[in-house]
Amino acid sequence: MTTKKIKTLKALKSRLRKTLPEKISEVIDSYENFSEQPVPEDAKGFSAHHSACKSAVVHAETLLKLAEWTDSKDTDSEPQNENKQLMSFLQEAQNELSSDDED
C-alpha cells in the first residue's frame, strides 16, 4: 500500500474525515468481538483480558477525538494550536497505554 505524503493539517483533516469512520467502526467491532469472549478465570488471564479491553477503548476514544478534531473549523491562522491539540490527543493515548503496562 502506498500513501500520499500529507504536507498540511488541512490535508490531514481531509484524509482523516474520509478514513476515520471506517477505522472507528473496525475498532468497535473488534472490541465487541473480543470483549464477548469468556474472561479467563486465572488472575493473569483476567488481567490481560481487561487490559486488552481497556486498550481497545482508549484506541476508540482517540479515534473519536481525532474525528472531532477533523470537524473543527479550518483556519490557516491557528495551525500551531491545532498541531498542539493533535499532539495532546496522541500524548493522552500514549499515557493511557503506558498506564496499562503498569497494571
PDB file of N, CA and C in Angstrom:
ATOM      1  N   MET A   1       0.846  -1.181   0.000  1.00  0.00           N
ATOM      2  CA  MET A   1       0.000   0.000   0.000  1.00  0.00           C
ATOM      3  C   MET A   1       0.887   1.239   0.000  1.00  0.00           C
ATOM      4  N   THR A   2       0.667   2.105  -0.945  1.00  0.00           N
ATOM      5  CA  THR A   2       1.411   3.356  -0.978  1.00  0.00           C
ATOM      6  C   THR A   2       0.515   4.468  -0.469  1.00  0.00           C
ATOM      7  N   THR A   3       1.129   5.404   0.224  1.00  0.00           N
ATOM      8  CA  THR A   3       0.360   6.517   0.748  1.00  0.00           C
ATOM      9  C   THR A   3       0.950   7.812   0.246  1.00  0.00           C
ATOM     10  N   LYS A   4       0.091   8.750   0.029  1.00  0.00           N
ATOM     11  CA  LYS A   4       0.483  10.075  -0.407  1.00  0.00           C
ATOM     12  C   LYS A   4       0.969  10.845   0.819  1.00  0.00           C
ATOM     13  N   LYS A   5       2.099  11.520   0.673  1.00  0.00           N
ATOM     14  CA  LYS A   5       2.632  12.298   1.779  1.00  0.00           C
ATOM     15  C   LYS A   5       1.722  13.498   2.037  1.00  0.00           C
ATOM     16  N   ILE A   6       1.332  13.650   3.283  1.00  0.00           N
ATOM     17  CA  ILE A   6       0.445  14.737   3.671  1.00  0.00           C
ATOM     18  C   ILE A   6       1.300  15.876   4.197  1.00  0.00           C
ATOM     19  N   LYS A   7       1.117  17.056   3.628  1.00  0.00           N
ATOM     20  CA  LYS A   7       2.004  18.172   3.956  1.00  0.00           C
ATOM     21  C   LYS A   7       1.361  19.254   4.803  1.00  0.00           C
ATOM     22  N   THR A   8       0.043  19.264   4.932  1.00  0.00           N
ATOM     23  CA  THR A   8      -0.618  20.316   5.708  1.00  0.00           C
ATOM     24  C   THR A   8      -1.662  19.697   6.635  1.00  0.00           C
ATOM     25  N   LEU A   9      -1.989  20.441   7.685  1.00  0.00           N
ATOM     26  CA  LEU A   9      -3.037  19.961   8.593  1.00  0.00           C
ATOM     27  C   LEU A   9      -4.377  19.889   7.886  1.00  0.00           C
ATOM     28  N   LYS A  10      -4.614  20.819   6.982  1.00  0.00           N
ATOM     29  CA  LYS A  10      -5.873  20.811   6.231  1.00  0.00           C
ATOM     30  C   LYS A  10      -5.993  19.515   5.420  1.00  0.00           C
ATOM     31  N   ALA A  11      -4.899  19.123   4.780  1.00  0.00           N
ATOM     32  CA  ALA A  11      -4.903  17.880   4.003  1.00  0.00           C
ATOM     33  C   ALA A  11      -5.070  16.672   4.921  1.00  0.00           C
ATOM     34  N   LEU A  12      -4.420  16.724   6.095  1.00  0.00           N
ATOM     35  CA  LEU A  12      -4.573  15.638   7.060  1.00  0.00           C
ATOM     36  C   LEU A  12      -6.018  15.512   7.521  1.00  0.00           C
ATOM     37  N   LYS A  13      -6.630  16.636   7.838  1.00  0.00           N
ATOM     38  CA  LYS A  13      -8.038  16.615   8.265  1.00  0.00           C
ATOM     39  C   LYS A  13      -8.920  16.017   7.181  1.00  0.00           C
ATOM     40  N   SER A  14      -8.682  16.428   5.965  1.00  0.00           N
ATOM     41  CA  SER A  14      -9.493  15.927   4.853  1.00  0.00           C
ATOM     42  C   SER A  14      -9.358  14.415   4.720  1.00  0.00           C
ATOM     43  N   ARG A  15      -8.145  13.928   4.796  1.00  0.00           N
ATOM     44  CA  ARG A  15      -7.938  12.479   4.682  1.00  0.00           C
ATOM     45  C   ARG A  15      -8.574  11.733   5.860  1.00  0.00           C
ATOM     46  N   LEU A  16      -8.364  12.246   7.069  1.00  0.00           N
ATOM     47  CA  LEU A  16      -8.939  11.588   8.243  1.00  0.00           C
ATOM     48  C   LEU A  16     -10.462  11.597   8.208  1.00  0.00           C
ATOM     49  N   ARG A  17     -11.041  12.690   7.715  1.00  0.00           N
ATOM     50  CA  ARG A  17     -12.510  12.768   7.595  1.00  0.00           C
ATOM     51  C   ARG A  17     -13.040  11.613   6.761  1.00  0.00           C
ATOM     52  N   LYS A  18     -12.263  11.212   5.763  1.00  0.00           N
ATOM     53  CA  LYS A  18     -12.695  10.140   4.863  1.00  0.00           C
ATOM     54  C   LYS A  18     -12.452   8.749   5.456  1.00  0.00           C
ATOM     55  N   THR A  19     -11.372   8.589   6.214  1.00  0.00           N
ATOM     56  CA  THR A  19     -10.987   7.246   6.655  1.00  0.00           C
ATOM     57  C   THR A  19     -11.398   6.888   8.081  1.00  0.00           C
ATOM     58  N   LEU A  20     -11.565   7.878   8.940  1.00  0.00           N
ATOM     59  CA  LEU A  20     -11.844   7.582  10.346  1.00  0.00           C
ATOM     60  C   LEU A  20     -13.154   6.838  10.617  1.00  0.00           C
ATOM     61  N   PRO A  21     -14.242   7.168   9.948  1.00  0.00           N
ATOM     62  CA  PRO A  21     -15.477   6.426  10.267  1.00  0.00           C
ATOM     63  C   PRO A  21     -15.320   4.909  10.132  1.00  0.00           C
ATOM     64  N   GLU A  22     -14.671   4.467   9.075  1.00  0.00           N
ATOM     65  CA  GLU A  22     -14.467   3.031   8.887  1.00  0.00           C
ATOM     66  C   GLU A  22     -13.512   2.477   9.947  1.00  0.00           C
ATOM     67  N   LYS A  23     -12.460   3.218  10.259  1.00  0.00           N
ATOM     68  CA  LYS A  23     -11.496   2.758  11.266  1.00  0.00           C
ATOM     69  C   LYS A  23     -12.154   2.659  12.643  1.00  0.00           C
ATOM     70  N   ILE A  24     -12.953   3.641  12.994  1.00  0.00           N
ATOM     71  CA  ILE A  24     -13.655   3.618  14.283  1.00  0.00           C
ATOM     72  C   ILE A  24     -14.589   2.413  14.355  1.00  0.00           C
ATOM     73  N   SER A  25     -15.295   2.174  13.278  1.00  0.00           N
ATOM     74  CA  SER A  25     -16.204   1.024  13.222  1.00  0.00           C
ATOM     75  C   SER A  25     -15.438  -0.283  13.388  1.00  0.00           C
ATOM     76  N   GLU A  26     -14.282  -0.406  12.758  1.00  0.00           N
ATOM     77  CA  GLU A  26     -13.466  -1.613  12.874  1.00  0.00           C
ATOM     78  C   GLU A  26     -12.999  -1.825  14.312  1.00  0.00           C
ATOM     79  N   VAL A  27     -12.560  -0.742  14.968  1.00  0.00           N
ATOM     80  CA  VAL A  27     -12.086  -0.844  16.349  1.00  0.00           C
ATOM     81  C   VAL A  27     -13.226  -1.264  17.272  1.00  0.00           C
ATOM     82  N   ILE A  28     -14.389  -0.675  17.083  1.00  0.00           N
ATOM     83  CA  ILE A  28     -15.536  -1.015  17.933  1.00  0.00           C
ATOM     84  C   ILE A  28     -15.973  -2.460  17.699  1.00  0.00           C
ATOM     85  N   ASP A  29     -16.017  -2.891  16.437  1.00  0.00           N
ATOM     86  CA  ASP A  29     -16.363  -4.289  16.143  1.00  0.00           C
ATOM     87  C   ASP A  29     -15.358  -5.250  16.777  1.00  0.00           C
ATOM     88  N   SER A  30     -14.083  -4.913  16.651  1.00  0.00           N
ATOM     89  CA  SER A  30     -13.035  -5.753  17.224  1.00  0.00           C
ATOM     90  C   SER A  30     -13.169  -5.822  18.739  1.00  0.00           C
ATOM     91  N   TYR A  31     -13.422  -4.682  19.362  1.00  0.00           N
ATOM     92  CA  TYR A  31     -13.617  -4.633  20.812  1.00  0.00           C
ATOM     93  C   TYR A  31     -14.802  -5.505  21.227  1.00  0.00           C
ATOM     94  N   GLU A  32     -15.914  -5.349  20.528  1.00  0.00           N
ATOM     95  CA  GLU A  32     -17.103  -6.129  20.881  1.00  0.00           C
ATOM     96  C   GLU A  32     -16.844  -7.620  20.743  1.00  0.00           C
ATOM     97  N   ASN A  33     -16.185  -8.019  19.652  1.00  0.00           N
ATOM     98  CA  ASN A  33     -15.896  -9.439  19.453  1.00  0.00           C
ATOM     99  C   ASN A  33     -14.979  -9.979  20.548  1.00  0.00           C
ATOM    100  N   PHE A  34     -13.953  -9.231  20.893  1.00  0.00           N
ATOM    101  CA  PHE A  34     -13.011  -9.687  21.905  1.00  0.00           C
ATOM    102  C   PHE A  34     -13.634  -9.690  23.295  1.00  0.00           C
ATOM    103  N   SER A  35     -14.328  -8.605  23.628  1.00  0.00           N
ATOM    104  CA  SER A  35     -14.873  -8.481  24.988  1.00  0.00           C
ATOM    105  C   SER A  35     -15.974  -9.501  25.265  1.00  0.00           C
ATOM    106  N   GLU A  36     -16.579 -10.042  24.225  1.00  0.00           N
ATOM    107  CA  GLU A  36     -17.634 -11.038  24.404  1.00  0.00           C
ATOM    108  C   GLU A  36     -17.079 -12.439  24.625  1.00  0.00           C
ATOM    109  N   GLN A  37     -15.758 -12.599  24.460  1.00  0.00           N
ATOM    110  CA  GLN A  37     -15.137 -13.898  24.732  1.00  0.00           C
ATOM    111  C   GLN A  37     -15.151 -14.149  26.237  1.00  0.00           C
ATOM    112  N   PRO A  38     -15.158 -15.397  26.624  1.00  0.00           N
ATOM    113  CA  PRO A  38     -15.125 -15.691  28.062  1.00  0.00           C
ATOM    114  C   PRO A  38     -13.862 -15.103  28.712  1.00  0.00           C
ATOM    115  N   VAL A  39     -14.046 -14.511  29.875  1.00  0.00           N
ATOM    116  CA  VAL A  39     -12.923 -13.941  30.612  1.00  0.00           C
ATOM    117  C   VAL A  39     -12.207 -15.076  31.332  1.00  0.00           C
ATOM    118  N   PRO A  40     -10.895 -15.195  31.158  1.00  0.00           N
ATOM    119  CA  PRO A  40     -10.161 -16.259  31.855  1.00  0.00           C
ATOM    120  C   PRO A  40     -10.334 -16.155  33.366  1.00  0.00           C
ATOM    121  N   GLU A  41     -10.338 -17.291  34.017  1.00  0.00           N
ATOM    122  CA  GLU A  41     -10.550 -17.313  35.465  1.00  0.00           C
ATOM    123  C   GLU A  41      -9.272 -17.074  36.257  1.00  0.00           C
ATOM    124  N   ASP A  42      -8.115 -17.378  35.663  1.00  0.00           N
ATOM    125  CA  ASP A  42      -6.867 -17.157  36.394  1.00  0.00           C
ATOM    126  C   ASP A  42      -6.538 -15.662  36.411  1.00  0.00           C
ATOM    127  N   ALA A  43      -5.833 -15.230  37.429  1.00  0.00           N
ATOM    128  CA  ALA A  43      -5.556 -13.804  37.633  1.00  0.00           C
ATOM    129  C   ALA A  43      -4.808 -13.190  36.450  1.00  0.00           C
ATOM    130  N   LYS A  44      -3.817 -13.897  35.935  1.00  0.00           N
ATOM    131  CA  LYS A  44      -3.016 -13.359  34.823  1.00  0.00           C
ATOM    132  C   LYS A  44      -3.873 -13.197  33.566  1.00  0.00           C
ATOM    133  N   GLY A  45      -4.654 -14.212  33.251  1.00  0.00           N
ATOM    134  CA  GLY A  45      -5.521 -14.141  32.077  1.00  0.00           C
ATOM    135  C   GLY A  45      -6.600 -13.075  32.228  1.00  0.00           C
ATOM    136  N   PHE A  46      -7.163 -13.005  33.437  1.00  0.00           N
ATOM    137  CA  PHE A  46      -8.187 -11.995  33.742  1.00  0.00           C
ATOM    138  C   PHE A  46      -7.621 -10.593  33.526  1.00  0.00           C
ATOM    139  N   SER A  47      -6.439 -10.350  34.084  1.00  0.00           N
ATOM    140  CA  SER A  47      -5.796  -9.041  33.964  1.00  0.00           C
ATOM    141  C   SER A  47      -5.476  -8.717  32.502  1.00  0.00           C
ATOM    142  N   ALA A  48      -4.960  -9.697  31.787  1.00  0.00           N
ATOM    143  CA  ALA A  48      -4.621  -9.490  30.374  1.00  0.00           C
ATOM    144  C   ALA A  48      -5.869  -9.171  29.552  1.00  0.00           C
ATOM    145  N   HIS A  49      -6.955  -9.885  29.835  1.00  0.00           N
ATOM    146  CA  HIS A  49      -8.205  -9.661  29.106  1.00  0.00           C
ATOM    147  C   HIS A  49      -8.715  -8.231  29.337  1.00  0.00           C
ATOM    148  N   HIS A  50      -8.727  -7.817  30.600  1.00  0.00           N
ATOM    149  CA  HIS A  50      -9.218  -6.477  30.922  1.00  0.00           C
ATOM    150  C   HIS A  50      -8.285  -5.394  30.393  1.00  0.00           C
ATOM    151  N   SER A  51      -6.995  -5.650  30.401  1.00  0.00           N
ATOM    152  CA  SER A  51      -6.030  -4.697  29.835  1.00  0.00           C
ATOM    153  C   SER A  51      -6.263  -4.531  28.334  1.00  0.00           C
ATOM    154  N   ALA A  52      -6.481  -5.634  27.661  1.00  0.00           N
ATOM    155  CA  ALA A  52      -6.726  -5.584  26.219  1.00  0.00           C
ATOM    156  C   ALA A  52      -8.008  -4.802  25.919  1.00  0.00           C
ATOM    157  N   CYS A  53      -9.036  -5.027  26.715  1.00  0.00           N
ATOM    158  CA  CYS A  53     -10.295  -4.292  26.524  1.00  0.00           C
ATOM    159  C   CYS A  53     -10.087  -2.799  26.754  1.00  0.00           C
ATOM    160  N   LYS A  54      -9.346  -2.457  27.803  1.00  0.00           N
ATOM    161  CA  LYS A  54      -9.078  -1.044  28.095  1.00  0.00           C
ATOM    162  C   LYS A  54      -8.294  -0.399  26.953  1.00  0.00           C
ATOM    163  N   SER A  55      -7.318  -1.095  26.429  1.00  0.00           N
ATOM    164  CA  SER A  55      -6.540  -0.567  25.303  1.00  0.00           C
ATOM    165  C   SER A  55      -7.428  -0.303  24.092  1.00  0.00           C
ATOM    166  N   ALA A  56      -8.350  -1.204  23.834  1.00  0.00           N
ATOM    167  CA  ALA A  56      -9.261  -1.019  22.703  1.00  0.00           C
ATOM    168  C   ALA A  56     -10.156   0.198  22.917  1.00  0.00           C
ATOM    169  N   VAL A  57     -10.614   0.390  24.153  1.00  0.00           N
ATOM    170  CA  VAL A  57     -11.459   1.548  24.458  1.00  0.00           C
ATOM    171  C   VAL A  57     -10.665   2.838  24.266  1.00  0.00           C
ATOM    172  N   VAL A  58      -9.424   2.861  24.748  1.00  0.00           N
ATOM    173  CA  VAL A  58      -8.569   4.046  24.574  1.00  0.00           C
ATOM    174  C   VAL A  58      -8.343   4.309  23.092  1.00  0.00           C
ATOM    175  N   HIS A  59      -8.118   3.257  22.333  1.00  0.00           N
ATOM    176  CA  HIS A  59      -7.928   3.399  20.887  1.00  0.00           C
ATOM    177  C   HIS A  59      -9.168   4.032  20.242  1.00  0.00           C
ATOM    178  N   ALA A  60     -10.335   3.528  20.598  1.00  0.00           N
ATOM    179  CA  ALA A  60     -11.581   4.076  20.054  1.00  0.00           C
ATOM    180  C   ALA A  60     -11.767   5.533  20.469  1.00  0.00           C
ATOM    181  N   GLU A  61     -11.489   5.840  21.748  1.00  0.00           N
ATOM    182  CA  GLU A  61     -11.622   7.227  22.226  1.00  0.00           C
ATOM    183  C   GLU A  61     -10.689   8.169  21.470  1.00  0.00           C
ATOM    184  N   THR A  62      -9.475   7.714  21.227  1.00  0.00           N
ATOM    185  CA  THR A  62      -8.514   8.542  20.496  1.00  0.00           C
ATOM    186  C   THR A  62      -8.995   8.798  19.069  1.00  0.00           C
ATOM    187  N   LEU A  63      -9.491   7.765  18.426  1.00  0.00           N
ATOM    188  CA  LEU A  63     -10.008   7.945  17.065  1.00  0.00           C
ATOM    189  C   LEU A  63     -11.206   8.885  17.053  1.00  0.00           C
ATOM    190  N   LEU A  64     -12.070   8.781  18.067  1.00  0.00           N
ATOM    191  CA  LEU A  64     -13.229   9.677  18.152  1.00  0.00           C
ATOM    192  C   LEU A  64     -12.785  11.124  18.380  1.00  0.00           C
ATOM    193  N   LYS A  65     -11.753  11.330  19.189  1.00  0.00           N
ATOM    194  CA  LYS A  65     -11.222  12.678  19.391  1.00  0.00           C
ATOM    195  C   LYS A  65     -10.631  13.226  18.096  1.00  0.00           C
ATOM    196  N   LEU A  66      -9.939  12.373  17.368  1.00  0.00           N
ATOM    197  CA  LEU A  66      -9.413  12.806  16.068  1.00  0.00           C
ATOM    198  C   LEU A  66     -10.557  13.159  15.116  1.00  0.00           C
ATOM    199  N   ALA A  67     -11.617  12.369  15.153  1.00  0.00           N
ATOM    200  CA  ALA A  67     -12.770  12.668  14.300  1.00  0.00           C
ATOM    201  C   ALA A  67     -13.364  14.020  14.670  1.00  0.00           C
ATOM    202  N   GLU A  68     -13.451  14.288  15.967  1.00  0.00           N
ATOM    203  CA  GLU A  68     -13.954  15.583  16.427  1.00  0.00           C
ATOM    204  C   GLU A  68     -13.032  16.707  15.944  1.00  0.00           C
ATOM    205  N   TRP A  69     -11.732  16.467  16.014  1.00  0.00           N
ATOM    206  CA  TRP A  69     -10.748  17.458  15.547  1.00  0.00           C
ATOM    207  C   TRP A  69     -10.931  17.737  14.053  1.00  0.00           C
ATOM    208  N   THR A  70     -11.230  16.689  13.269  1.00  0.00           N
ATOM    209  CA  THR A  70     -11.391  16.899  11.828  1.00  0.00           C
ATOM    210  C   THR A  70     -12.620  17.733  11.519  1.00  0.00           C
ATOM    211  N   ASP A  71     -13.592  17.737  12.431  1.00  0.00           N
ATOM    212  CA  ASP A  71     -14.799  18.537  12.226  1.00  0.00           C
ATOM    213  C   ASP A  71     -14.629  19.982  12.680  1.00  0.00           C
ATOM    214  N   SER A  72     -13.505  20.266  13.368  1.00  0.00           N
ATOM    215  CA  SER A  72     -13.302  21.643  13.821  1.00  0.00           C
ATOM    216  C   SER A  72     -13.026  22.549  12.626  1.00  0.00           C
ATOM    217  N   LYS A  73     -13.281  23.805  12.831  1.00  0.00           N
ATOM    218  CA  LYS A  73     -13.165  24.809  11.778  1.00  0.00           C
ATOM    219  C   LYS A  73     -11.729  24.888  11.253  1.00  0.00           C
ATOM    220  N   ASP A  74     -11.574  24.843   9.926  1.00  0.00           N
ATOM    221  CA  ASP A  74     -10.260  25.013   9.311  1.00  0.00           C
ATOM    222  C   ASP A  74      -9.882  26.482   9.306  1.00  0.00           C
ATOM    223  N   THR A  75      -8.780  26.790   9.937  1.00  0.00           N
ATOM    224  CA  THR A  75      -8.279  28.156   9.872  1.00  0.00           C
ATOM    225  C   THR A  75      -6.779  28.108   9.656  1.00  0.00           C
ATOM    226  N   ASP A  76      -6.311  28.895   8.718  1.00  0.00           N
ATOM    227  CA  ASP A  76      -4.880  28.960   8.463  1.00  0.00           C
ATOM    228  C   ASP A  76      -4.161  29.773   9.526  1.00  0.00           C
ATOM    229  N   SER A  77      -4.894  30.561  10.298  1.00  0.00           N
ATOM    230  CA  SER A  77      -4.261  31.421  11.285  1.00  0.00           C
ATOM    231  C   SER A  77      -3.884  30.689  12.566  1.00  0.00           C
ATOM    232  N   GLU A  78      -4.377  29.460  12.760  1.00  0.00           N
ATOM    233  CA  GLU A  78      -4.108  28.758  14.007  1.00  0.00           C
ATOM    234  C   GLU A  78      -3.531  27.358  13.819  1.00  0.00           C
ATOM    235  N   PRO A  79      -2.619  27.125  12.862  1.00  0.00           N
ATOM    236  CA  PRO A  79      -2.113  25.762  12.687  1.00  0.00           C
ATOM    237  C   PRO A  79      -1.320  25.262  13.882  1.00  0.00           C
ATOM    238  N   GLN A  80      -0.621  26.151  14.591  1.00  0.00           N
ATOM    239  CA  GLN A  80       0.143  25.698  15.749  1.00  0.00           C
ATOM    240  C   GLN A  80      -0.781  25.215  16.856  1.00  0.00           C
ATOM    241  N   ASN A  81      -1.898  25.908  17.077  1.00  0.00           N
ATOM    242  CA  ASN A  81      -2.851  25.471  18.099  1.00  0.00           C
ATOM    243  C   ASN A  81      -3.445  24.115  17.749  1.00  0.00           C
ATOM    244  N   GLU A  82      -3.759  23.906  16.478  1.00  0.00           N
ATOM    245  CA  GLU A  82      -4.321  22.626  16.055  1.00  0.00           C
ATOM    246  C   GLU A  82      -3.278  21.522  16.186  1.00  0.00           C
ATOM    247  N   ASN A  83      -2.037  21.847  15.852  1.00  0.00           N
ATOM    248  CA  ASN A  83      -0.969  20.862  15.985  1.00  0.00           C
ATOM    249  C   ASN A  83      -0.782  20.492  17.455  1.00  0.00           C
ATOM    250  N   LYS A  84      -0.846  21.481  18.344  1.00  0.00           N
ATOM    251  CA  LYS A  84      -0.738  21.211  19.781  1.00  0.00           C
ATOM    252  C   LYS A  84      -1.890  20.330  20.249  1.00  0.00           C
ATOM    253  N   GLN A  85      -3.096  20.585  19.729  1.00  0.00           N
ATOM    254  CA  GLN A  85      -4.268  19.793  20.104  1.00  0.00           C
ATOM    255  C   GLN A  85      -4.085  18.344  19.648  1.00  0.00           C
ATOM    256  N   LEU A  86      -3.620  18.159  18.441  1.00  0.00           N
ATOM    257  CA  LEU A  86      -3.399  16.817  17.908  1.00  0.00           C
ATOM    258  C   LEU A  86      -2.333  16.093  18.733  1.00  0.00           C
ATOM    259  N   MET A  87      -1.249  16.791  19.046  1.00  0.00           N
ATOM    260  CA  MET A  87      -0.193  16.188  19.853  1.00  0.00           C
ATOM    261  C   MET A  87      -0.707  15.847  21.251  1.00  0.00           C
ATOM    262  N   SER A  88      -1.590  16.678  21.783  1.00  0.00           N
ATOM    263  CA  SER A  88      -2.186  16.418  23.093  1.00  0.00           C
ATOM    264  C   SER A  88      -3.019  15.136  23.059  1.00  0.00           C
ATOM    265  N   PHE A  89      -3.812  14.939  21.996  1.00  0.00           N
ATOM    266  CA  PHE A  89      -4.601  13.722  21.851  1.00  0.00           C
ATOM    267  C   PHE A  89      -3.688  12.493  21.831  1.00  0.00           C
ATOM    268  N   LEU A  90      -2.624  12.587  21.054  1.00  0.00           N
ATOM    269  CA  LEU A  90      -1.721  11.454  20.921  1.00  0.00           C
ATOM    270  C   LEU A  90      -0.990  11.174  22.232  1.00  0.00           C
ATOM    271  N   GLN A  91      -0.584  12.231  22.936  1.00  0.00           N
ATOM    272  CA  GLN A  91       0.085  12.058  24.225  1.00  0.00           C
ATOM    273  C   GLN A  91      -0.852  11.412  25.243  1.00  0.00           C
ATOM    274  N   GLU A  92      -2.112  11.848  25.238  1.00  0.00           N
ATOM    275  CA  GLU A  92      -3.101  11.278  26.158  1.00  0.00           C
ATOM    276  C   GLU A  92      -3.265   9.777  25.911  1.00  0.00           C
ATOM    277  N   ALA A  93      -3.338   9.398  24.648  1.00  0.00           N
ATOM    278  CA  ALA A  93      -3.478   7.975  24.317  1.00  0.00           C
ATOM    279  C   ALA A  93      -2.235   7.208  24.743  1.00  0.00           C
ATOM    280  N   GLN A  94      -1.067   7.792  24.527  1.00  0.00           N
ATOM    281  CA  GLN A  94       0.174   7.144  24.923  1.00  0.00           C
ATOM    282  C   GLN A  94       0.240   6.967  26.433  1.00  0.00           C
ATOM    283  N   ASN A  95      -0.177   7.981  27.170  1.00  0.00           N
ATOM    284  CA  ASN A  95      -0.202   7.888  28.631  1.00  0.00           C
ATOM    285  C   ASN A  95      -1.138   6.781  29.108  1.00  0.00           C
ATOM    286  N   GLU A  96      -2.298   6.685  28.474  1.00  0.00           N
ATOM    287  CA  GLU A  96      -3.253   5.635  28.848  1.00  0.00           C
ATOM    288  C   GLU A  96      -2.661   4.251  28.599  1.00  0.00           C
ATOM    289  N   LEU A  97      -2.005   4.101  27.457  1.00  0.00           N
ATOM    290  CA  LEU A  97      -1.413   2.805  27.140  1.00  0.00           C
ATOM    291  C   LEU A  97      -0.254   2.492  28.086  1.00  0.00           C
ATOM    292  N   SER A  98       0.504   3.489  28.468  1.00  0.00           N
ATOM    293  CA  SER A  98       1.597   3.288  29.413  1.00  0.00           C
ATOM    294  C   SER A  98       1.063   2.868  30.779  1.00  0.00           C
ATOM    295  N   SER A  99      -0.050   3.460  31.189  1.00  0.00           N
ATOM    296  CA  SER A  99      -0.640   3.081  32.481  1.00  0.00           C
ATOM    297  C   SER A  99      -1.151   1.648  32.430  1.00  0.00           C
ATOM    298  N   ASP A 100      -1.560   1.174  31.250  1.00  0.00           N
ATOM    299  CA  ASP A 100      -1.967  -0.236  31.114  1.00  0.00           C
ATOM    300  C   ASP A 100      -0.797  -1.151  31.382  1.00  0.00           C
ATOM    301  N   ASP A 101       0.385  -0.777  30.902  1.00  0.00           N
ATOM    302  CA  ASP A 101       1.571  -1.605  31.097  1.00  0.00           C
ATOM    303  C   ASP A 101       1.943  -1.708  32.564  1.00  0.00           C
ATOM    304  N   GLU A 102       1.621  -0.690  33.350  1.00  0.00           N
ATOM    305  CA  GLU A 102       1.952  -0.686  34.764  1.00  0.00           C
ATOM    306  C   GLU A 102       0.974  -1.515  35.587  1.00  0.00           C
ATOM    307  N   ASP A 103      -0.247  -1.744  35.056  1.00  0.00           N
ATOM    308  CA  ASP A 103      -1.269  -2.501  35.805  1.00  0.00           C
ATOM    309  C   ASP A 103      -0.909  -3.964  35.919  1.00  0.00           C
TER     310      ASP A 103
END
